[in-house]
Amino acid sequence: MARTIGSHGPKTMEAIRKAGLRLIFEHGFAAMSLRQLAAEVGIQSGSLYNHISTKQELLFELIRDHINELLGQLDRALQGKQRPVDKLRAFTAFHVTYHMTRKREVFIANSELRSLEPKNYEEIVALRGAYERRLAEILSEGVAEGEFEVVDIQVATFAILALLTGLTTWYRPGGRLTKEAIVAAHEKLVLSSVAPGEISDPARTKRAPSSGLTAPGRLERR
């Protein structure tokens, strides 16, 4: 039985968030109960309602705070970068480094979207869209300045994000490569994919992104 840590205060709320993150990651949102969460934290089930009103609220706040942190840190990583190539390199290094240490948050933010209520779902999709637009704007700027050659901005945006985020499925600390080597490998993959002269399709276009990124296979509610 977990030790009772008290039912009030920010420390308890932080413990609830950490326990909720782990339990949702390990068992899934639908399978996790508030009774299980309370036992993990070491408080009575009724005491949870001093901090969260519903299980849905906890899931929404975990995902929302994760994406807001992602956006804030990305903007700081891009500060001072002028050339599109430097921005793309900084974006890649940040995304890879961040996702190395946020496996649970990333997994939940992707796999549990289906568990969000409609209003919460729409807010999260809007936040994700803001992050995607950061990358799309970098690619568009690079095309406009002749630094990048891109068949389609939207396709490139989603493809690069899929490549970089895929690291969470295989990365393990202490593996064969250092973090620096993994970042460098991803930077080379991304930069070479948009380098001028790398595209052989004679019908290529350099289309700028629309106001809202929407691609085939875009997130759909289930």
C-alpha atoms as a PDB file:
ATOM      1  CA  MET A   1       0.000   0.000   0.000  1.00  0.00           C
ATOM      2  CA  ALA A   2       1.411   3.374  -0.967  1.00  0.00           C
ATOM      3  CA  ARG A   3       2.162   5.846   1.787  1.00  0.00           C
ATOM      4  CA  THR A   4      -0.458   8.517   2.318  1.00  0.00           C
ATOM      5  CA  ILE A   5       1.047  11.851   1.306  1.00  0.00           C
ATOM      6  CA  GLY A   6      -1.885  14.100   2.125  1.00  0.00           C
ATOM      7  CA  SER A   7      -4.821  15.259   0.090  1.00  0.00           C
ATOM      8  CA  HIS A   8      -4.003  18.919  -0.475  1.00  0.00           C
ATOM      9  CA  GLY A   9      -1.318  21.020  -2.070  1.00  0.00           C
ATOM     10  CA  PRO A  10       0.772  21.174  -5.231  1.00  0.00           C
ATOM     11  CA  LYS A  11       2.922  18.201  -4.237  1.00  0.00           C
ATOM     12  CA  THR A  12      -0.112  15.950  -4.237  1.00  0.00           C
ATOM     13  CA  MET A  13      -1.251  17.283  -7.601  1.00  0.00           C
ATOM     14  CA  GLU A  14       2.181  16.636  -9.054  1.00  0.00           C
ATOM     15  CA  ALA A  15       2.094  13.099  -7.655  1.00  0.00           C
ATOM     16  CA  ILE A  16      -1.328  12.562  -9.242  1.00  0.00           C
ATOM     17  CA  ARG A  17      -0.056  13.756 -12.610  1.00  0.00           C
ATOM     18  CA  LYS A  18       3.041  11.553 -12.488  1.00  0.00           C
ATOM     19  CA  ALA A  19       1.072   8.500 -11.398  1.00  0.00           C
ATOM     20  CA  GLY A  20      -1.627   9.182 -13.999  1.00  0.00           C
ATOM     21  CA  LEU A  21       0.959   9.516 -16.738  1.00  0.00           C
ATOM     22  CA  ARG A  22       2.550   6.194 -15.830  1.00  0.00           C
ATOM     23  CA  LEU A  23      -0.730   4.315 -15.410  1.00  0.00           C
ATOM     24  CA  ILE A  24      -2.193   5.597 -18.676  1.00  0.00           C
ATOM     25  CA  PHE A  25       1.037   4.721 -20.477  1.00  0.00           C
ATOM     26  CA  GLU A  26       1.134   1.210 -19.029  1.00  0.00           C
ATOM     27  CA  HIS A  27      -2.564   0.294 -19.027  1.00  0.00           C
ATOM     28  CA  GLY A  28      -4.348   2.763 -21.306  1.00  0.00           C
ATOM     29  CA  PHE A  29      -6.758   5.520 -20.377  1.00  0.00           C
ATOM     30  CA  ALA A  30      -9.883   3.359 -20.511  1.00  0.00           C
ATOM     31  CA  ALA A  31      -8.417   0.704 -18.212  1.00  0.00           C
ATOM     32  CA  MET A  32      -7.091   3.098 -15.573  1.00  0.00           C
ATOM     33  CA  SER A  33      -9.547   3.766 -12.739  1.00  0.00           C
ATOM     34  CA  LEU A  34      -9.574   6.652 -10.283  1.00  0.00           C
ATOM     35  CA  ARG A  35      -9.448   4.116  -7.458  1.00  0.00           C
ATOM     36  CA  GLN A  36      -6.252   2.706  -8.947  1.00  0.00           C
ATOM     37  CA  LEU A  37      -4.835   6.206  -9.342  1.00  0.00           C
ATOM     38  CA  ALA A  38      -5.633   7.125  -5.735  1.00  0.00           C
ATOM     39  CA  ALA A  39      -4.009   3.948  -4.452  1.00  0.00           C
ATOM     40  CA  GLU A  40      -0.887   4.682  -6.495  1.00  0.00           C
ATOM     41  CA  VAL A  41      -0.625   8.171  -5.023  1.00  0.00           C
ATOM     42  CA  GLY A  42      -1.458   7.027  -1.497  1.00  0.00           C
ATOM     43  CA  ILE A  43      -4.663   8.965  -0.846  1.00  0.00           C
ATOM     44  CA  GLN A  44      -8.331   8.126  -0.459  1.00  0.00           C
ATOM     45  CA  SER A  45     -10.322   7.967  -3.687  1.00  0.00           C
ATOM     46  CA  GLY A  46     -12.526  10.842  -2.586  1.00  0.00           C
ATOM     47  CA  SER A  47      -9.481  13.043  -2.050  1.00  0.00           C
ATOM     48  CA  LEU A  48      -8.738  12.974  -5.774  1.00  0.00           C
ATOM     49  CA  TYR A  49     -11.660  15.328  -6.313  1.00  0.00           C
ATOM     50  CA  ASN A  50      -9.784  18.027  -4.407  1.00  0.00           C
ATOM     51  CA  HIS A  51      -7.466  18.124  -7.433  1.00  0.00           C
ATOM     52  CA  ILE A  52      -9.260  16.771 -10.515  1.00  0.00           C
ATOM     53  CA  SER A  53     -12.953  16.657 -11.312  1.00  0.00           C
ATOM     54  CA  THR A  54     -12.829  13.737 -13.752  1.00  0.00           C
ATOM     55  CA  LYS A  55     -10.442  11.282 -15.353  1.00  0.00           C
ATOM     56  CA  GLN A  56     -11.070  13.103 -18.643  1.00  0.00           C
ATOM     57  CA  GLU A  57      -9.809  16.339 -17.136  1.00  0.00           C
ATOM     58  CA  LEU A  58      -6.561  14.657 -16.101  1.00  0.00           C
ATOM     59  CA  LEU A  59      -5.955  13.231 -19.585  1.00  0.00           C
ATOM     60  CA  PHE A  60      -6.709  16.545 -21.263  1.00  0.00           C
ATOM     61  CA  GLU A  61      -4.392  18.502 -18.980  1.00  0.00           C
ATOM     62  CA  LEU A  62      -1.555  15.996 -19.396  1.00  0.00           C
ATOM     63  CA  ILE A  63      -1.717  16.239 -23.191  1.00  0.00           C
ATOM     64  CA  ARG A  64      -2.320  20.000 -23.289  1.00  0.00           C
ATOM     65  CA  ASP A  65       0.560  20.782 -20.945  1.00  0.00           C
ATOM     66  CA  HIS A  66       2.867  18.490 -22.902  1.00  0.00           C
ATOM     67  CA  ILE A  67       2.157  20.253 -26.203  1.00  0.00           C
ATOM     68  CA  ASN A  68       2.356  23.721 -24.655  1.00  0.00           C
ATOM     69  CA  GLU A  69       5.752  22.818 -23.216  1.00  0.00           C
ATOM     70  CA  LEU A  70       6.786  21.511 -26.614  1.00  0.00           C
ATOM     71  CA  LEU A  71       5.778  24.784 -28.283  1.00  0.00           C
ATOM     72  CA  GLY A  72       7.453  26.967 -25.679  1.00  0.00           C
ATOM     73  CA  GLN A  73      10.741  25.113 -25.793  1.00  0.00           C
ATOM     74  CA  LEU A  74      10.734  25.042 -29.590  1.00  0.00           C
ATOM     75  CA  ASP A  75      10.318  28.805 -29.782  1.00  0.00           C
ATOM     76  CA  ARG A  76      13.276  29.226 -27.442  1.00  0.00           C
ATOM     77  CA  ALA A  77      15.360  26.823 -29.536  1.00  0.00           C
ATOM     78  CA  LEU A  78      14.630  28.864 -32.676  1.00  0.00           C
ATOM     79  CA  GLN A  79      15.504  32.220 -31.143  1.00  0.00           C
ATOM     80  CA  GLY A  80      18.341  33.966 -32.951  1.00  0.00           C
ATOM     81  CA  LYS A  81      18.238  31.641 -35.963  1.00  0.00           C
ATOM     82  CA  GLN A  82      18.027  33.627 -39.216  1.00  0.00           C
ATOM     83  CA  ARG A  83      18.617  31.317 -42.182  1.00  0.00           C
ATOM     84  CA  PRO A  84      16.018  28.640 -42.917  1.00  0.00           C
ATOM     85  CA  VAL A  85      18.703  25.943 -42.881  1.00  0.00           C
ATOM     86  CA  ASP A  86      19.753  26.969 -39.380  1.00  0.00           C
ATOM     87  CA  LYS A  87      16.127  27.002 -38.243  1.00  0.00           C
ATOM     88  CA  LEU A  88      15.527  23.534 -39.684  1.00  0.00           C
ATOM     89  CA  ARG A  89      18.666  22.204 -38.029  1.00  0.00           C
ATOM     90  CA  ALA A  90      17.585  23.731 -34.706  1.00  0.00           C
ATOM     91  CA  PHE A  91      14.060  22.344 -35.092  1.00  0.00           C
ATOM     92  CA  THR A  92      15.410  18.861 -35.762  1.00  0.00           C
ATOM     93  CA  ALA A  93      17.888  18.911 -32.871  1.00  0.00           C
ATOM     94  CA  PHE A  94      15.247  20.183 -30.471  1.00  0.00           C
ATOM     95  CA  HIS A  95      12.539  17.721 -31.541  1.00  0.00           C
ATOM     96  CA  VAL A  96      14.844  14.714 -31.305  1.00  0.00           C
ATOM     97  CA  THR A  97      16.372  15.739 -27.968  1.00  0.00           C
ATOM     98  CA  TYR A  98      12.988  16.539 -26.416  1.00  0.00           C
ATOM     99  CA  HIS A  99      11.420  13.276 -27.540  1.00  0.00           C
ATOM    100  CA  MET A 100      14.280  11.230 -26.156  1.00  0.00           C
ATOM    101  CA  THR A 101      13.109  12.102 -22.649  1.00  0.00           C
ATOM    102  CA  ARG A 102       9.330  12.324 -23.130  1.00  0.00           C
ATOM    103  CA  LYS A 103       8.386   8.852 -24.314  1.00  0.00           C
ATOM    104  CA  ARG A 104       5.325   8.538 -22.089  1.00  0.00           C
ATOM    105  CA  GLU A 105       3.975  11.986 -22.870  1.00  0.00           C
ATOM    106  CA  VAL A 106       4.464  11.522 -26.621  1.00  0.00           C
ATOM    107  CA  PHE A 107       2.842   8.091 -26.614  1.00  0.00           C
ATOM    108  CA  ILE A 108      -0.198   9.310 -24.694  1.00  0.00           C
ATOM    109  CA  ALA A 109      -0.535  12.485 -26.773  1.00  0.00           C
ATOM    110  CA  ASN A 110      -0.768  10.328 -29.903  1.00  0.00           C
ATOM    111  CA  SER A 111      -2.514   7.147 -28.780  1.00  0.00           C
ATOM    112  CA  GLU A 112      -5.111   8.643 -26.451  1.00  0.00           C
ATOM    113  CA  LEU A 113      -6.456  11.380 -28.716  1.00  0.00           C
ATOM    114  CA  ARG A 114      -9.388   9.060 -29.389  1.00  0.00           C
ATOM    115  CA  SER A 115     -10.236   9.172 -25.687  1.00  0.00           C
ATOM    116  CA  LEU A 116     -10.691  12.938 -25.565  1.00  0.00           C
ATOM    117  CA  GLU A 117     -14.148  14.467 -25.537  1.00  0.00           C
ATOM    118  CA  PRO A 118     -14.935  16.557 -28.659  1.00  0.00           C
ATOM    119  CA  LYS A 119     -14.199  19.975 -27.155  1.00  0.00           C
ATOM    120  CA  ASN A 120     -10.911  18.806 -25.652  1.00  0.00           C
ATOM    121  CA  TYR A 121     -10.002  16.977 -28.836  1.00  0.00           C
ATOM    122  CA  GLU A 122     -10.426  20.104 -30.942  1.00  0.00           C
ATOM    123  CA  GLU A 123      -8.248  22.164 -28.605  1.00  0.00           C
ATOM    124  CA  ILE A 124      -5.461  19.591 -28.702  1.00  0.00           C
ATOM    125  CA  VAL A 125      -5.603  19.298 -32.499  1.00  0.00           C
ATOM    126  CA  ALA A 126      -5.317  23.095 -32.712  1.00  0.00           C
ATOM    127  CA  LEU A 127      -2.210  23.044 -30.521  1.00  0.00           C
ATOM    128  CA  ARG A 128      -0.682  20.265 -32.611  1.00  0.00           C
ATOM    129  CA  GLY A 129      -1.441  22.320 -35.700  1.00  0.00           C
ATOM    130  CA  ALA A 130       0.467  25.262 -34.247  1.00  0.00           C
ATOM    131  CA  TYR A 131       3.533  23.052 -33.801  1.00  0.00           C
ATOM    132  CA  GLU A 132       3.227  21.662 -37.320  1.00  0.00           C
ATOM    133  CA  ARG A 133       2.979  25.178 -38.725  1.00  0.00           C
ATOM    134  CA  ARG A 134       6.304  26.110 -37.141  1.00  0.00           C
ATOM    135  CA  LEU A 135       7.968  23.488 -39.331  1.00  0.00           C
ATOM    136  CA  ALA A 136       5.867  24.293 -42.408  1.00  0.00           C
ATOM    137  CA  GLU A 137       6.846  27.961 -42.150  1.00  0.00           C
ATOM    138  CA  ILE A 138      10.535  27.049 -41.977  1.00  0.00           C
ATOM    139  CA  LEU A 139      10.208  24.879 -45.089  1.00  0.00           C
ATOM    140  CA  SER A 140       8.253  27.552 -46.967  1.00  0.00           C
ATOM    141  CA  GLU A 141      10.827  30.179 -46.093  1.00  0.00           C
ATOM    142  CA  GLY A 142      13.617  27.909 -47.273  1.00  0.00           C
ATOM    143  CA  VAL A 143      11.861  27.289 -50.583  1.00  0.00           C
ATOM    144  CA  ALA A 144      11.232  31.020 -51.075  1.00  0.00           C
ATOM    145  CA  GLU A 145      14.900  31.801 -50.449  1.00  0.00           C
ATOM    146  CA  GLY A 146      16.181  28.979 -52.652  1.00  0.00           C
ATOM    147  CA  GLU A 147      17.728  27.002 -49.780  1.00  0.00           C
ATOM    148  CA  PHE A 148      15.254  24.123 -49.954  1.00  0.00           C
ATOM    149  CA  GLU A 149      13.616  22.187 -52.762  1.00  0.00           C
ATOM    150  CA  VAL A 150      10.362  20.615 -51.642  1.00  0.00           C
ATOM    151  CA  VAL A 151       7.730  18.773 -53.669  1.00  0.00           C
ATOM    152  CA  ASP A 152       4.896  19.677 -51.297  1.00  0.00           C
ATOM    153  CA  ILE A 153       5.165  21.610 -48.029  1.00  0.00           C
ATOM    154  CA  GLN A 154       2.385  19.738 -46.270  1.00  0.00           C
ATOM    155  CA  VAL A 155       3.684  16.320 -47.249  1.00  0.00           C
ATOM    156  CA  ALA A 156       7.220  17.266 -46.232  1.00  0.00           C
ATOM    157  CA  THR A 157       6.004  18.605 -42.892  1.00  0.00           C
ATOM    158  CA  PHE A 158       4.175  15.441 -41.954  1.00  0.00           C
ATOM    159  CA  ALA A 159       6.949  13.193 -43.283  1.00  0.00           C
ATOM    160  CA  ILE A 160       9.665  14.983 -41.298  1.00  0.00           C
ATOM    161  CA  LEU A 161       7.598  14.924 -38.111  1.00  0.00           C
ATOM    162  CA  ALA A 162       6.899  11.215 -38.559  1.00  0.00           C
ATOM    163  CA  LEU A 163      10.611  10.541 -39.058  1.00  0.00           C
ATOM    164  CA  LEU A 164      11.672  12.519 -36.005  1.00  0.00           C
ATOM    165  CA  THR A 165       8.927  11.326 -33.681  1.00  0.00           C
ATOM    166  CA  GLY A 166       9.503   7.701 -34.679  1.00  0.00           C
ATOM    167  CA  LEU A 167      12.584   7.786 -32.492  1.00  0.00           C
ATOM    168  CA  THR A 168      10.368   7.229 -29.435  1.00  0.00           C
ATOM    169  CA  THR A 169       9.594   3.678 -30.595  1.00  0.00           C
ATOM    170  CA  TRP A 170      13.187   2.502 -30.614  1.00  0.00           C
ATOM    171  CA  TYR A 171      15.417   4.845 -28.621  1.00  0.00           C
ATOM    172  CA  ARG A 172      16.805   3.479 -25.366  1.00  0.00           C
ATOM    173  CA  PRO A 173      19.336   5.303 -23.153  1.00  0.00           C
ATOM    174  CA  GLY A 174      22.755   3.684 -23.094  1.00  0.00           C
ATOM    175  CA  GLY A 175      22.504   2.251 -26.580  1.00  0.00           C
ATOM    176  CA  ARG A 176      25.179   1.992 -29.246  1.00  0.00           C
ATOM    177  CA  LEU A 177      25.028   5.663 -30.267  1.00  0.00           C
ATOM    178  CA  THR A 178      25.345   8.751 -28.125  1.00  0.00           C
ATOM    179  CA  LYS A 179      22.524  11.295 -28.029  1.00  0.00           C
ATOM    180  CA  GLU A 180      24.712  13.654 -30.041  1.00  0.00           C
ATOM    181  CA  ALA A 181      25.258  11.036 -32.736  1.00  0.00           C
ATOM    182  CA  ILE A 182      21.535  10.331 -32.968  1.00  0.00           C
ATOM    183  CA  VAL A 183      20.749  14.032 -33.311  1.00  0.00           C
ATOM    184  CA  ALA A 184      23.428  14.416 -35.989  1.00  0.00           C
ATOM    185  CA  ALA A 185      22.054  11.450 -37.940  1.00  0.00           C
ATOM    186  CA  HIS A 186      18.556  12.920 -37.929  1.00  0.00           C
ATOM    187  CA  GLU A 187      19.834  16.345 -38.939  1.00  0.00           C
ATOM    188  CA  LYS A 188      21.565  14.819 -41.944  1.00  0.00           C
ATOM    189  CA  LEU A 189      18.452  12.871 -42.958  1.00  0.00           C
ATOM    190  CA  VAL A 190      16.196  15.921 -42.718  1.00  0.00           C
ATOM    191  CA  LEU A 191      18.533  18.426 -44.365  1.00  0.00           C
ATOM    192  CA  SER A 192      19.417  16.082 -47.221  1.00  0.00           C
ATOM    193  CA  SER A 193      15.719  15.468 -47.896  1.00  0.00           C
ATOM    194  CA  VAL A 194      15.143  19.144 -48.711  1.00  0.00           C
ATOM    195  CA  ALA A 195      18.503  19.986 -50.265  1.00  0.00           C
ATOM    196  CA  PRO A 196      18.257  21.522 -53.772  1.00  0.00           C
ATOM    197  CA  GLY A 197      19.064  19.056 -56.523  1.00  0.00           C
ATOM    198  CA  GLU A 198      17.979  16.016 -54.519  1.00  0.00           C
ATOM    199  CA  ILE A 199      14.553  15.785 -56.193  1.00  0.00           C
ATOM    200  CA  SER A 200      14.341  13.957 -59.516  1.00  0.00           C
ATOM    201  CA  ASP A 201      10.627  14.465 -60.266  1.00  0.00           C
ATOM    202  CA  PRO A 202      10.390  16.897 -63.223  1.00  0.00           C
ATOM    203  CA  ALA A 203       6.840  17.822 -62.231  1.00  0.00           C
ATOM    204  CA  ARG A 204       7.854  18.969 -58.745  1.00  0.00           C
ATOM    205  CA  THR A 205       6.184  22.001 -57.251  1.00  0.00           C
ATOM    206  CA  LYS A 206       7.059  24.372 -54.456  1.00  0.00           C
ATOM    207  CA  ARG A 207       3.696  24.935 -52.885  1.00  0.00           C
ATOM    208  CA  ALA A 208       3.338  26.998 -49.735  1.00  0.00           C
ATOM    209  CA  PRO A 209       1.187  25.637 -46.912  1.00  0.00           C
ATOM    210  CA  SER A 210      -2.425  26.608 -46.527  1.00  0.00           C
ATOM    211  CA  SER A 211      -3.657  28.344 -43.385  1.00  0.00           C
ATOM    212  CA  GLY A 212      -4.419  24.985 -41.790  1.00  0.00           C
ATOM    213  CA  LEU A 213      -2.394  21.839 -42.377  1.00  0.00           C
ATOM    214  CA  THR A 214      -4.589  18.984 -43.520  1.00  0.00           C
ATOM    215  CA  ALA A 215      -3.216  15.921 -45.220  1.00  0.00           C
ATOM    216  CA  PRO A 216      -4.576  12.545 -46.324  1.00  0.00           C
ATOM    217  CA  GLY A 217      -4.666  10.374 -43.230  1.00  0.00           C
ATOM    218  CA  ARG A 218      -5.044  13.419 -40.981  1.00  0.00           C
ATOM    219  CA  LEU A 219      -6.219  12.781 -37.461  1.00  0.00           C
ATOM    220  CA  GLU A 220      -9.807  11.585 -37.390  1.00  0.00           C
ATOM    221  CA  ARG A 221     -11.950  10.937 -34.359  1.00  0.00           C
ATOM    222  CA  ARG A 222     -12.854   7.312 -33.835  1.00  0.00           C
END
